[in-house]
PDB file of N, CA and C in Angstrom:
ATOM      1  N   MET A   1       0.527  -1.410   0.040  1.00  0.00           N
ATOM      2  CA  MET A   1      -0.006  -0.126   0.275  1.00  0.00           C
ATOM      3  C   MET A   1       0.810   1.354  -0.013  1.00  0.00           C
ATOM      4  N   LYS A   2       0.473   2.628  -1.307  1.00  0.00           N
ATOM      5  CA  LYS A   2       1.156   3.386  -1.028  1.00  0.00           C
ATOM      6  C   LYS A   2       0.820   4.518  -0.249  1.00  0.00           C
ATOM      7  N   THR A   3       1.759   5.297   0.259  1.00  0.00           N
ATOM      8  CA  THR A   3       0.792   6.897   1.297  1.00  0.00           C
ATOM      9  C   THR A   3       1.277   7.556   0.696  1.00  0.00           C
ATOM     10  N   ALA A   4       0.444   8.886   0.751  1.00  0.00           N
ATOM     11  CA  ALA A   4       1.059  10.054   0.360  1.00  0.00           C
ATOM     12  C   ALA A   4       2.299  10.586   1.111  1.00  0.00           C
ATOM     13  N   SER A   5       2.672  11.417   0.371  1.00  0.00           N
ATOM     14  CA  SER A   5       3.986  11.989   1.359  1.00  0.00           C
ATOM     15  C   SER A   5       3.754  13.600   0.824  1.00  0.00           C
ATOM     16  N   ILE A   6       4.001  14.410   1.743  1.00  0.00           N
ATOM     17  CA  ILE A   6       3.839  15.804   1.891  1.00  0.00           C
ATOM     18  C   ILE A   6       5.245  16.153   1.926  1.00  0.00           C
ATOM     19  N   ALA A   7       5.689  17.477   1.042  1.00  0.00           N
ATOM     20  CA  ALA A   7       6.916  17.892   0.443  1.00  0.00           C
ATOM     21  C   ALA A   7       7.159  18.769   1.139  1.00  0.00           C
ATOM     22  N   PRO A   8       8.137  18.907   1.242  1.00  0.00           N
ATOM     23  CA  PRO A   8       8.703  19.646   2.670  1.00  0.00           C
ATOM     24  C   PRO A   8       8.383  21.431   2.142  1.00  0.00           C
ATOM     25  N   ALA A   9       8.035  22.324   3.040  1.00  0.00           N
ATOM     26  CA  ALA A   9       8.044  23.651   2.931  1.00  0.00           C
ATOM     27  C   ALA A   9       8.841  24.057   1.756  1.00  0.00           C
ATOM     28  N   SER A  10       9.970  23.610   1.958  1.00  0.00           N
ATOM     29  CA  SER A  10      11.185  24.692   1.690  1.00  0.00           C
ATOM     30  C   SER A  10      11.233  24.132   0.265  1.00  0.00           C
ATOM     31  N   VAL A  11      10.578  23.213  -0.484  1.00  0.00           N
ATOM     32  CA  VAL A  11      10.593  22.885  -1.886  1.00  0.00           C
ATOM     33  C   VAL A  11       9.211  23.639  -2.365  1.00  0.00           C
ATOM     34  N   THR A  12       8.305  23.623  -1.622  1.00  0.00           N
ATOM     35  CA  THR A  12       7.078  24.196  -2.424  1.00  0.00           C
ATOM     36  C   THR A  12       6.896  25.445  -2.566  1.00  0.00           C
ATOM     37  N   ALA A  13       7.695  26.464  -1.448  1.00  0.00           N
ATOM     38  CA  ALA A  13       7.950  27.851  -1.274  1.00  0.00           C
ATOM     39  C   ALA A  13       8.982  28.239  -2.320  1.00  0.00           C
ATOM     40  N   ARG A  14       8.664  29.360  -2.552  1.00  0.00           N
ATOM     41  CA  ARG A  14       9.772  30.021  -3.257  1.00  0.00           C
ATOM     42  C   ARG A  14      10.566  30.996  -2.342  1.00  0.00           C
ATOM     43  N   ALA A  15      12.118  31.154  -2.141  1.00  0.00           N
ATOM     44  CA  ALA A  15      12.798  31.678  -0.970  1.00  0.00           C
ATOM     45  C   ALA A  15      12.120  33.420  -1.037  1.00  0.00           C
ATOM     46  N   ASP A  16      11.894  34.044  -2.484  1.00  0.00           N
ATOM     47  CA  ASP A  16      11.569  35.450  -2.548  1.00  0.00           C
ATOM     48  C   ASP A  16      10.127  35.766  -2.059  1.00  0.00           C
ATOM     49  N   GLU A  17       8.952  34.388  -1.991  1.00  0.00           N
ATOM     50  CA  GLU A  17       8.104  35.092  -1.825  1.00  0.00           C
ATOM     51  C   GLU A  17       7.616  34.833  -0.201  1.00  0.00           C
ATOM     52  N   PRO A  18       6.464  35.710   0.374  1.00  0.00           N
ATOM     53  CA  PRO A  18       6.296  35.176   2.050  1.00  0.00           C
ATOM     54  C   PRO A  18       5.600  34.346   1.846  1.00  0.00           C
ATOM     55  N   PRO A  19       5.575  33.566   3.525  1.00  0.00           N
ATOM     56  CA  PRO A  19       4.764  32.391   3.392  1.00  0.00           C
ATOM     57  C   PRO A  19       3.444  32.767   3.304  1.00  0.00           C
ATOM     58  N   GLN A  20       2.207  31.615   2.453  1.00  0.00           N
ATOM     59  CA  GLN A  20       0.966  32.149   2.249  1.00  0.00           C
ATOM     60  C   GLN A  20       0.254  32.689   3.106  1.00  0.00           C
ATOM     61  N   HIS A  21       0.201  32.067   4.862  1.00  0.00           N
ATOM     62  CA  HIS A  21      -0.687  32.766   5.200  1.00  0.00           C
ATOM     63  C   HIS A  21      -0.201  34.667   5.601  1.00  0.00           C
ATOM     64  N   MET A  22       1.360  35.189   5.313  1.00  0.00           N
ATOM     65  CA  MET A  22       1.017  35.829   5.258  1.00  0.00           C
ATOM     66  C   MET A  22       0.483  36.924   3.890  1.00  0.00           C
ATOM     67  N   GLN A  23       0.550  36.414   3.122  1.00  0.00           N
ATOM     68  CA  GLN A  23      -0.110  36.923   1.572  1.00  0.00           C
ATOM     69  C   GLN A  23      -0.955  36.661   1.883  1.00  0.00           C
ATOM     70  N   ALA A  24      -2.167  36.081   2.761  1.00  0.00           N
ATOM     71  CA  ALA A  24      -3.202  36.110   2.736  1.00  0.00           C
ATOM     72  C   ALA A  24      -3.729  37.085   3.716  1.00  0.00           C
ATOM     73  N   LEU A  25      -2.921  37.455   4.856  1.00  0.00           N
ATOM     74  CA  LEU A  25      -3.057  38.537   5.868  1.00  0.00           C
ATOM     75  C   LEU A  25      -3.260  39.717   4.845  1.00  0.00           C
ATOM     76  N   ALA A  26      -1.880  39.899   4.049  1.00  0.00           N
ATOM     77  CA  ALA A  26      -1.486  41.116   2.825  1.00  0.00           C
ATOM     78  C   ALA A  26      -2.750  41.658   2.465  1.00  0.00           C
ATOM     79  N   ARG A  27      -3.310  40.568   2.000  1.00  0.00           N
ATOM     80  CA  ARG A  27      -4.483  40.855   1.049  1.00  0.00           C
ATOM     81  C   ARG A  27      -5.617  41.251   1.590  1.00  0.00           C
ATOM     82  N   ALA A  28      -5.993  40.793   2.893  1.00  0.00           N
ATOM     83  CA  ALA A  28      -7.070  41.122   3.567  1.00  0.00           C
ATOM     84  C   ALA A  28      -7.154  42.211   4.214  1.00  0.00           C
ATOM     85  N   ASN A  29      -5.891  42.952   4.575  1.00  0.00           N
ATOM     86  CA  ASN A  29      -5.756  43.807   5.386  1.00  0.00           C
ATOM     87  C   ASN A  29      -5.872  45.399   4.043  1.00  0.00           C
ATOM     88  N   ARG A  30      -5.417  44.905   2.625  1.00  0.00           N
ATOM     89  CA  ARG A  30      -6.072  45.678   1.505  1.00  0.00           C
ATOM     90  C   ARG A  30      -6.805  45.749   1.062  1.00  0.00           C
ATOM     91  N   VAL A  31      -7.904  44.415   1.060  1.00  0.00           N
ATOM     92  CA  VAL A  31      -9.485  44.885   1.255  1.00  0.00           C
ATOM     93  C   VAL A  31     -10.139  45.500   2.067  1.00  0.00           C
ATOM     94  N   ARG A  32      -9.639  45.237   3.541  1.00  0.00           N
ATOM     95  CA  ARG A  32     -10.148  46.192   4.389  1.00  0.00           C
ATOM     96  C   ARG A  32      -9.771  47.628   4.712  1.00  0.00           C
ATOM     97  N   LEU A  33      -8.436  48.057   4.083  1.00  0.00           N
ATOM     98  CA  LEU A  33      -8.395  49.275   4.107  1.00  0.00           C
ATOM     99  C   LEU A  33      -9.022  50.496   2.683  1.00  0.00           C
ATOM    100  N   ALA A  34      -9.197  49.546   1.847  1.00  0.00           N
ATOM    101  CA  ALA A  34      -9.826  49.872   0.198  1.00  0.00           C
ATOM    102  C   ALA A  34     -11.127  49.791   0.756  1.00  0.00           C
ATOM    103  N   ARG A  35     -12.073  49.044   1.423  1.00  0.00           N
ATOM    104  CA  ARG A  35     -13.251  48.731   1.824  1.00  0.00           C
ATOM    105  C   ARG A  35     -14.021  50.129   2.732  1.00  0.00           C
ATOM    106  N   ALA A  36     -12.550  50.277   3.738  1.00  0.00           N
ATOM    107  CA  ALA A  36     -12.950  51.514   4.651  1.00  0.00           C
ATOM    108  C   ALA A  36     -12.973  52.934   3.934  1.00  0.00           C
ATOM    109  N   GLU A  37     -12.153  53.091   2.877  1.00  0.00           N
ATOM    110  CA  GLU A  37     -12.152  54.393   2.168  1.00  0.00           C
ATOM    111  C   GLU A  37     -13.121  54.620   1.377  1.00  0.00           C
ATOM    112  N   LEU A  38     -14.150  53.376   0.813  1.00  0.00           N
ATOM    113  CA  LEU A  38     -15.166  53.319  -0.380  1.00  0.00           C
ATOM    114  C   LEU A  38     -16.362  53.766   0.943  1.00  0.00           C
ATOM    115  N   LYS A  39     -16.137  53.531   1.952  1.00  0.00           N
ATOM    116  CA  LYS A  39     -17.139  53.721   2.977  1.00  0.00           C
ATOM    117  C   LYS A  39     -17.367  54.881   3.436  1.00  0.00           C
ATOM    118  N   ARG A  40     -16.208  55.738   3.457  1.00  0.00           N
ATOM    119  CA  ARG A  40     -15.647  57.110   4.015  1.00  0.00           C
ATOM    120  C   ARG A  40     -16.223  58.139   2.425  1.00  0.00           C
ATOM    121  N   SER A  41     -16.005  57.342   1.660  1.00  0.00           N
ATOM    122  CA  SER A  41     -16.572  58.682   0.462  1.00  0.00           C
ATOM    123  C   SER A  41     -17.910  58.257   0.197  1.00  0.00           C
ATOM    124  N   ILE A  42     -18.563  57.201   0.606  1.00  0.00           N
ATOM    125  CA  ILE A  42     -19.895  56.893   0.334  1.00  0.00           C
ATOM    126  C   ILE A  42     -20.887  57.915   1.528  1.00  0.00           C
ATOM    127  N   GLY A  43     -20.185  57.758   2.688  1.00  0.00           N
ATOM    128  CA  GLY A  43     -20.697  58.745   3.854  1.00  0.00           C
ATOM    129  C   GLY A  43     -20.689  60.182   3.630  1.00  0.00           C
ATOM    130  N   ARG A  44     -19.206  60.512   2.602  1.00  0.00           N
ATOM    131  CA  ARG A  44     -19.406  61.847   2.721  1.00  0.00           C
ATOM    132  C   ARG A  44     -20.270  62.492   1.193  1.00  0.00           C
ATOM    133  N   GLY A  45     -20.859  61.463   0.637  1.00  0.00           N
ATOM    134  CA  GLY A  45     -21.323  61.459  -0.729  1.00  0.00           C
ATOM    135  C   GLY A  45     -20.669  61.993  -2.105  1.00  0.00           C
ATOM    136  N   ASP A  46     -19.500  61.279  -1.713  1.00  0.00           N
ATOM    137  CA  ASP A  46     -18.657  61.493  -3.041  1.00  0.00           C
ATOM    138  C   ASP A  46     -19.061  60.518  -4.265  1.00  0.00           C
ATOM    139  N   VAL A  47     -19.623  59.354  -3.217  1.00  0.00           N
ATOM    140  CA  VAL A  47     -20.288  57.963  -4.493  1.00  0.00           C
ATOM    141  C   VAL A  47     -21.050  57.468  -3.871  1.00  0.00           C
ATOM    142  N   GLY A  48     -22.131  57.362  -4.660  1.00  0.00           N
ATOM    143  CA  GLY A  48     -23.491  56.807  -4.187  1.00  0.00           C
ATOM    144  C   GLY A  48     -23.926  55.505  -4.127  1.00  0.00           C
ATOM    145  N   VAL A  49     -24.504  54.915  -3.426  1.00  0.00           N
ATOM    146  CA  VAL A  49     -24.405  53.353  -3.173  1.00  0.00           C
ATOM    147  C   VAL A  49     -24.947  52.598  -4.257  1.00  0.00           C
ATOM    148  N   ALA A  50     -26.534  53.241  -5.439  1.00  0.00           N
ATOM    149  CA  ALA A  50     -26.480  52.778  -6.303  1.00  0.00           C
ATOM    150  C   ALA A  50     -25.341  52.632  -7.807  1.00  0.00           C
ATOM    151  N   GLU A  51     -24.302  53.866  -7.410  1.00  0.00           N
ATOM    152  CA  GLU A  51     -23.139  53.276  -8.640  1.00  0.00           C
ATOM    153  C   GLU A  51     -22.705  52.296  -8.097  1.00  0.00           C
ATOM    154  N   VAL A  52     -22.001  51.768  -6.969  1.00  0.00           N
ATOM    155  CA  VAL A  52     -21.421  51.088  -6.458  1.00  0.00           C
ATOM    156  C   VAL A  52     -22.174  49.452  -7.031  1.00  0.00           C
ATOM    157  N   ILE A  53     -23.488  49.804  -6.622  1.00  0.00           N
ATOM    158  CA  ILE A  53     -24.308  48.587  -6.892  1.00  0.00           C
ATOM    159  C   ILE A  53     -24.195  48.142  -8.321  1.00  0.00           C
ATOM    160  N   GLU A  54     -24.062  49.191  -9.269  1.00  0.00           N
ATOM    161  CA  GLU A  54     -23.917  48.961 -10.569  1.00  0.00           C
ATOM    162  C   GLU A  54     -22.433  48.509 -11.034  1.00  0.00           C
ATOM    163  N   ASP A  55     -21.708  49.133 -10.282  1.00  0.00           N
ATOM    164  CA  ASP A  55     -20.404  49.137 -10.709  1.00  0.00           C
ATOM    165  C   ASP A  55     -19.678  47.827 -10.389  1.00  0.00           C
ATOM    166  N   SER A  56     -19.798  47.350  -9.198  1.00  0.00           N
ATOM    167  CA  SER A  56     -19.324  46.496  -8.294  1.00  0.00           C
ATOM    168  C   SER A  56     -17.764  46.496  -8.189  1.00  0.00           C
ATOM    169  N   PRO A  57     -17.243  47.328  -7.573  1.00  0.00           N
ATOM    170  CA  PRO A  57     -16.072  47.512  -7.648  1.00  0.00           C
ATOM    171  C   PRO A  57     -15.283  46.384  -6.688  1.00  0.00           C
ATOM    172  N   TRP A  58     -14.054  45.730  -6.747  1.00  0.00           N
ATOM    173  CA  TRP A  58     -13.252  44.849  -6.427  1.00  0.00           C
ATOM    174  C   TRP A  58     -13.415  44.859  -5.094  1.00  0.00           C
ATOM    175  N   GLU A  59     -13.573  46.136  -4.403  1.00  0.00           N
ATOM    176  CA  GLU A  59     -13.498  46.131  -2.803  1.00  0.00           C
ATOM    177  C   GLU A  59     -15.041  45.863  -2.007  1.00  0.00           C
ATOM    178  N   ALA A  60     -15.907  45.481  -2.999  1.00  0.00           N
ATOM    179  CA  ALA A  60     -17.309  46.038  -2.723  1.00  0.00           C
ATOM    180  C   ALA A  60     -17.843  44.483  -2.934  1.00  0.00           C
ATOM    181  N   GLU A  61     -17.067  43.485  -3.335  1.00  0.00           N
ATOM    182  CA  GLU A  61     -17.417  42.147  -4.265  1.00  0.00           C
ATOM    183  C   GLU A  61     -18.337  41.476  -2.926  1.00  0.00           C
ATOM    184  N   SER A  62     -17.095  41.878  -1.796  1.00  0.00           N
ATOM    185  CA  SER A  62     -17.387  40.585  -0.883  1.00  0.00           C
ATOM    186  C   SER A  62     -18.480  41.367   0.460  1.00  0.00           C
ATOM    187  N   MET A  63     -18.959  42.651   0.305  1.00  0.00           N
ATOM    188  CA  MET A  63     -19.388  43.601   1.026  1.00  0.00           C
ATOM    189  C   MET A  63     -20.893  43.200   1.100  1.00  0.00           C
ATOM    190  N   THR A  64     -21.508  43.039   2.670  1.00  0.00           N
ATOM    191  CA  THR A  64     -22.875  42.564   2.428  1.00  0.00           C
ATOM    192  C   THR A  64     -23.941  43.723   2.167  1.00  0.00           C
ATOM    193  N   LEU A  65     -24.929  43.579   1.703  1.00  0.00           N
ATOM    194  CA  LEU A  65     -25.839  44.811   1.197  1.00  0.00           C
ATOM    195  C   LEU A  65     -26.012  45.888   2.614  1.00  0.00           C
ATOM    196  N   ALA A  66     -26.295  44.967   4.015  1.00  0.00           N
ATOM    197  CA  ALA A  66     -26.985  46.079   4.952  1.00  0.00           C
ATOM    198  C   ALA A  66     -25.528  47.099   5.074  1.00  0.00           C
ATOM    199  N   GLU A  67     -24.117  46.065   4.871  1.00  0.00           N
ATOM    200  CA  GLU A  67     -23.112  47.183   5.360  1.00  0.00           C
ATOM    201  C   GLU A  67     -22.609  48.327   4.401  1.00  0.00           C
ATOM    202  N   LEU A  68     -22.987  47.957   3.376  1.00  0.00           N
ATOM    203  CA  LEU A  68     -23.085  49.273   1.890  1.00  0.00           C
ATOM    204  C   LEU A  68     -23.959  50.124   2.510  1.00  0.00           C
ATOM    205  N   LEU A  69     -25.281  49.637   2.606  1.00  0.00           N
ATOM    206  CA  LEU A  69     -26.463  50.613   2.813  1.00  0.00           C
ATOM    207  C   LEU A  69     -26.434  51.299   4.002  1.00  0.00           C
ATOM    208  N   THR A  70     -26.074  50.874   4.988  1.00  0.00           N
ATOM    209  CA  THR A  70     -25.855  51.490   6.262  1.00  0.00           C
ATOM    210  C   THR A  70     -24.483  52.618   6.140  1.00  0.00           C
ATOM    211  N   SER A  71     -23.469  52.442   5.203  1.00  0.00           N
ATOM    212  CA  SER A  71     -22.398  53.044   5.372  1.00  0.00           C
ATOM    213  C   SER A  71     -22.970  54.815   4.660  1.00  0.00           C
ATOM    214  N   GLN A  72     -23.870  54.803   3.950  1.00  0.00           N
ATOM    215  CA  GLN A  72     -24.707  56.130   3.910  1.00  0.00           C
ATOM    216  C   GLN A  72     -25.371  56.927   4.942  1.00  0.00           C
ATOM    217  N   ARG A  73     -25.204  58.046   4.739  1.00  0.00           N
ATOM    218  CA  ARG A  73     -25.752  59.010   5.648  1.00  0.00           C
ATOM    219  C   ARG A  73     -27.398  58.759   6.417  1.00  0.00           C
ATOM    220  N   ARG A  74     -27.522  58.847   7.403  1.00  0.00           N
ATOM    221  CA  ARG A  74     -28.755  58.637   7.930  1.00  0.00           C
ATOM    222  C   ARG A  74     -29.603  57.325   7.490  1.00  0.00           C
ATOM    223  N   TRP A  75     -28.542  56.220   7.398  1.00  0.00           N
ATOM    224  CA  TRP A  75     -29.275  54.796   7.075  1.00  0.00           C
ATOM    225  C   TRP A  75     -28.761  54.414   7.917  1.00  0.00           C
ATOM    226  N   GLY A  76     -29.474  53.642   8.676  1.00  0.00           N
ATOM    227  CA  GLY A  76     -29.322  52.587  10.163  1.00  0.00           C
ATOM    228  C   GLY A  76     -29.976  51.095   9.616  1.00  0.00           C
ATOM    229  N   ARG A  77     -29.675  50.483  10.461  1.00  0.00           N
ATOM    230  CA  ARG A  77     -29.879  49.132   9.937  1.00  0.00           C
ATOM    231  C   ARG A  77     -31.563  48.538   9.576  1.00  0.00           C
ATOM    232  N   THR A  78     -32.279  49.488  10.220  1.00  0.00           N
ATOM    233  CA  THR A  78     -33.887  49.448  10.430  1.00  0.00           C
ATOM    234  C   THR A  78     -34.290  49.672   8.788  1.00  0.00           C
ATOM    235  N   ARG A  79     -33.985  50.961   8.293  1.00  0.00           N
ATOM    236  CA  ARG A  79     -33.885  51.499   7.292  1.00  0.00           C
ATOM    237  C   ARG A  79     -33.613  50.822   6.107  1.00  0.00           C
ATOM    238  N   ALA A  80     -32.256  50.109   6.269  1.00  0.00           N
ATOM    239  CA  ALA A  80     -31.799  49.119   4.916  1.00  0.00           C
ATOM    240  C   ALA A  80     -32.761  48.076   5.113  1.00  0.00           C
ATOM    241  N   ARG A  81     -32.866  47.748   6.446  1.00  0.00           N
ATOM    242  CA  ARG A  81     -33.778  45.962   6.144  1.00  0.00           C
ATOM    243  C   ARG A  81     -35.156  46.270   5.806  1.00  0.00           C
ATOM    244  N   LYS A  82     -35.814  47.667   5.941  1.00  0.00           N
ATOM    245  CA  LYS A  82     -36.870  47.811   5.432  1.00  0.00           C
ATOM    246  C   LYS A  82     -37.122  47.981   3.879  1.00  0.00           C
ATOM    247  N   LEU A  83     -35.821  48.362   3.455  1.00  0.00           N
ATOM    248  CA  LEU A  83     -35.891  48.404   1.873  1.00  0.00           C
ATOM    249  C   LEU A  83     -35.506  47.356   1.130  1.00  0.00           C
ATOM    250  N   LEU A  84     -34.303  46.005   1.927  1.00  0.00           N
ATOM    251  CA  LEU A  84     -34.234  45.077   1.396  1.00  0.00           C
ATOM    252  C   LEU A  84     -35.766  43.949   1.352  1.00  0.00           C
ATOM    253  N   GLN A  85     -36.215  44.400   2.472  1.00  0.00           N
ATOM    254  CA  GLN A  85     -37.673  43.654   2.703  1.00  0.00           C
ATOM    255  C   GLN A  85     -38.427  43.640   1.068  1.00  0.00           C
ATOM    256  N   THR A  86     -38.616  45.039   0.793  1.00  0.00           N
ATOM    257  CA  THR A  86     -39.661  45.549  -0.107  1.00  0.00           C
ATOM    258  C   THR A  86     -39.234  44.646  -1.701  1.00  0.00           C
ATOM    259  N   LEU A  87     -37.803  44.563  -1.598  1.00  0.00           N
ATOM    260  CA  LEU A  87     -37.172  43.641  -3.117  1.00  0.00           C
ATOM    261  C   LEU A  87     -36.771  42.194  -2.621  1.00  0.00           C
ATOM    262  N   ALA A  88     -37.234  41.889  -1.535  1.00  0.00           N
ATOM    263  CA  ALA A  88     -37.001  40.203  -1.459  1.00  0.00           C
ATOM    264  C   ALA A  88     -35.683  39.866  -1.241  1.00  0.00           C
ATOM    265  N   LEU A  89     -34.825  41.121  -0.707  1.00  0.00           N
ATOM    266  CA  LEU A  89     -33.164  40.439  -0.735  1.00  0.00           C
ATOM    267  C   LEU A  89     -32.952  40.303   0.983  1.00  0.00           C
ATOM    268  N   SER A  90     -31.542  39.548   1.078  1.00  0.00           N
ATOM    269  CA  SER A  90     -31.438  39.521   2.494  1.00  0.00           C
ATOM    270  C   SER A  90     -30.197  40.512   2.466  1.00  0.00           C
ATOM    271  N   GLU A  91     -30.174  40.777   3.927  1.00  0.00           N
ATOM    272  CA  GLU A  91     -29.390  41.701   4.201  1.00  0.00           C
ATOM    273  C   GLU A  91     -27.952  41.427   4.449  1.00  0.00           C
ATOM    274  N   ASN A  92     -27.687  40.189   4.045  1.00  0.00           N
ATOM    275  CA  ASN A  92     -26.476  39.677   4.303  1.00  0.00           C
ATOM    276  C   ASN A  92     -25.671  38.964   3.002  1.00  0.00           C
ATOM    277  N   LYS A  93     -26.964  39.328   1.981  1.00  0.00           N
ATOM    278  CA  LYS A  93     -26.439  39.026   0.759  1.00  0.00           C
ATOM    279  C   LYS A  93     -25.303  39.914   0.350  1.00  0.00           C
ATOM    280  N   ARG A  94     -24.029  39.162  -0.553  1.00  0.00           N
ATOM    281  CA  ARG A  94     -22.869  39.788  -0.708  1.00  0.00           C
ATOM    282  C   ARG A  94     -23.178  40.639  -2.372  1.00  0.00           C
ATOM    283  N   ILE A  95     -22.660  41.318  -2.098  1.00  0.00           N
ATOM    284  CA  ILE A  95     -22.649  42.175  -3.421  1.00  0.00           C
ATOM    285  C   ILE A  95     -22.202  41.617  -4.799  1.00  0.00           C
ATOM    286  N   GLY A  96     -21.130  40.904  -4.498  1.00  0.00           N
ATOM    287  CA  GLY A  96     -20.533  39.884  -5.814  1.00  0.00           C
ATOM    288  C   GLY A  96     -21.563  39.133  -6.254  1.00  0.00           C
ATOM    289  N   THR A  97     -22.514  38.916  -5.348  1.00  0.00           N
ATOM    290  CA  THR A  97     -23.645  37.466  -6.089  1.00  0.00           C
ATOM    291  C   THR A  97     -24.830  37.918  -6.272  1.00  0.00           C
ATOM    292  N   LEU A  98     -24.902  39.244  -6.320  1.00  0.00           N
ATOM    293  CA  LEU A  98     -25.908  39.758  -6.903  1.00  0.00           C
ATOM    294  C   LEU A  98     -26.474  39.458  -8.682  1.00  0.00           C
ATOM    295  N   THR A  99     -27.593  38.984  -8.979  1.00  0.00           N
ATOM    296  CA  THR A  99     -27.882  38.913 -10.647  1.00  0.00           C
ATOM    297  C   THR A  99     -27.883  40.263 -10.891  1.00  0.00           C
ATOM    298  N   PRO A 100     -27.627  40.433 -12.293  1.00  0.00           N
ATOM    299  CA  PRO A 100     -28.248  41.691 -13.120  1.00  0.00           C
ATOM    300  C   PRO A 100     -29.378  42.331 -12.749  1.00  0.00           C
ATOM    301  N   ARG A 101     -30.362  41.325 -12.562  1.00  0.00           N
ATOM    302  CA  ARG A 101     -31.797  41.980 -12.164  1.00  0.00           C
ATOM    303  C   ARG A 101     -31.753  42.400 -11.151  1.00  0.00           C
ATOM    304  N   GLN A 102     -31.198  41.783  -9.974  1.00  0.00           N
ATOM    305  CA  GLN A 102     -31.257  42.481  -8.494  1.00  0.00           C
ATOM    306  C   GLN A 102     -30.305  43.744  -8.224  1.00  0.00           C
ATOM    307  N   ARG A 103     -29.728  43.667  -9.340  1.00  0.00           N
ATOM    308  CA  ARG A 103     -28.894  44.815  -9.331  1.00  0.00           C
ATOM    309  C   ARG A 103     -29.100  46.468  -9.927  1.00  0.00           C
ATOM    310  N   ALA A 104     -30.348  45.876 -10.840  1.00  0.00           N
ATOM    311  CA  ALA A 104     -31.299  47.024 -11.580  1.00  0.00           C
ATOM    312  C   ALA A 104     -32.096  47.219 -10.858  1.00  0.00           C
ATOM    313  N   LEU A 105     -32.722  46.418  -9.915  1.00  0.00           N
ATOM    314  CA  LEU A 105     -33.818  46.695  -9.052  1.00  0.00           C
ATOM    315  C   LEU A 105     -33.459  47.346  -7.984  1.00  0.00           C
ATOM    316  N   LEU A 106     -32.475  47.119  -7.298  1.00  0.00           N
ATOM    317  CA  LEU A 106     -31.833  47.646  -6.279  1.00  0.00           C
ATOM    318  C   LEU A 106     -31.178  49.136  -6.303  1.00  0.00           C
ATOM    319  N   ALA A 107     -30.607  48.961  -7.560  1.00  0.00           N
ATOM    320  CA  ALA A 107     -30.212  50.591  -8.314  1.00  0.00           C
ATOM    321  C   ALA A 107     -31.181  51.248  -8.252  1.00  0.00           C
ATOM    322  N   SER A 108     -32.269  50.839  -9.072  1.00  0.00           N
ATOM    323  CA  SER A 108     -33.398  51.869  -9.645  1.00  0.00           C
ATOM    324  C   SER A 108     -34.239  52.319  -8.083  1.00  0.00           C
ATOM    325  N   SER A 109     -34.406  51.680  -7.303  1.00  0.00           N
ATOM    326  CA  SER A 109     -35.169  51.490  -5.596  1.00  0.00           C
ATOM    327  C   SER A 109     -34.390  52.825  -5.323  1.00  0.00           C
ATOM    328  N   LEU A 110     -32.713  52.634  -4.976  1.00  0.00           N
ATOM    329  CA  LEU A 110     -32.368  53.667  -4.788  1.00  0.00           C
ATOM    330  C   LEU A 110     -32.204  54.985  -5.314  1.00  0.00           C
ATOM    331  N   GLY A 111     -32.410  54.990  -6.681  1.00  0.00           N
ATOM    332  CA  GLY A 111     -32.896  56.337  -7.386  1.00  0.00           C
ATOM    333  C   GLY A 111     -31.608  56.707  -8.548  1.00  0.00           C
ATOM    334  N   ALA A 112     -30.904  55.518  -8.837  1.00  0.00           N
ATOM    335  CA  ALA A 112     -29.795  55.781 -10.008  1.00  0.00           C
ATOM    336  C   ALA A 112     -30.394  56.433 -11.021  1.00  0.00           C
ATOM    337  N   ARG A 113     -29.421  56.690 -11.572  1.00  0.00           N
ATOM    338  CA  ARG A 113     -30.113  57.337 -13.156  1.00  0.00           C
ATOM    339  C   ARG A 113     -29.691  56.205 -13.928  1.00  0.00           C
ATOM    340  N   PRO A 114     -30.084  55.911 -14.960  1.00  0.00           N
ATOM    341  CA  PRO A 114     -30.118  55.118 -15.957  1.00  0.00           C
ATOM    342  C   PRO A 114     -28.740  55.160 -16.827  1.00  0.00           C
ATOM    343  N   ARG A 115     -27.889  54.414 -16.778  1.00  0.00           N
ATOM    344  CA  ARG A 115     -26.732  54.478 -17.422  1.00  0.00           C
ATOM    345  C   ARG A 115     -26.825  55.054 -18.882  1.00  0.00           C
ATOM    346  N   ASP A 116     -27.705  55.109 -19.604  1.00  0.00           N
ATOM    347  CA  ASP A 116     -27.437  55.544 -21.095  1.00  0.00           C
ATOM    348  C   ASP A 116     -28.103  56.788 -21.060  1.00  0.00           C
ATOM    349  N   ALA A 117     -28.426  57.626 -19.657  1.00  0.00           N
ATOM    350  CA  ALA A 117     -29.222  59.059 -19.596  1.00  0.00           C
ATOM    351  C   ALA A 117     -27.802  59.788 -20.025  1.00  0.00           C
ATOM    352  N   VAL A 118     -28.404  60.533 -20.690  1.00  0.00           N
ATOM    353  CA  VAL A 118     -27.233  61.869 -21.623  1.00  0.00           C
ATOM    354  C   VAL A 118     -27.617  63.047 -20.370  1.00  0.00           C
ATOM    355  N   LEU A 119     -26.617  63.480 -19.952  1.00  0.00           N
ATOM    356  CA  LEU A 119     -26.822  64.949 -19.054  1.00  0.00           C
ATOM    357  C   LEU A 119     -26.522  66.150 -20.106  1.00  0.00           C
ATOM    358  N   VAL A 120     -27.136  66.818 -20.052  1.00  0.00           N
ATOM    359  CA  VAL A 120     -27.139  68.140 -20.532  1.00  0.00           C
ATOM    360  C   VAL A 120     -27.000  69.251 -20.276  1.00  0.00           C
TER     361      VAL A 120
END
């Protein structure tokens, strides 16, 4: 009977790369910082939530709908929950998992301009 052997770490990892767990921590930190900046810009009013939902930037992919909605000024858990209940969406749903139909529905309920609209 053959048994599987595990290759030593020195064989599988390159000398110039940090260990995998350190790479994961660094990536998690980049996502956290980018997400915090996105939430601050939403709070200031520089970026609209509907725009984030339509464009789905990389830092927002793993955010929940409740987390995104409550980053707006004057939006708490109750207001976010009421909106999402009318749209039959869970507040724990991740932005990256929204279907195109759900994105359009949520963006339109938040008062987004149509993408094809021409500003005069």
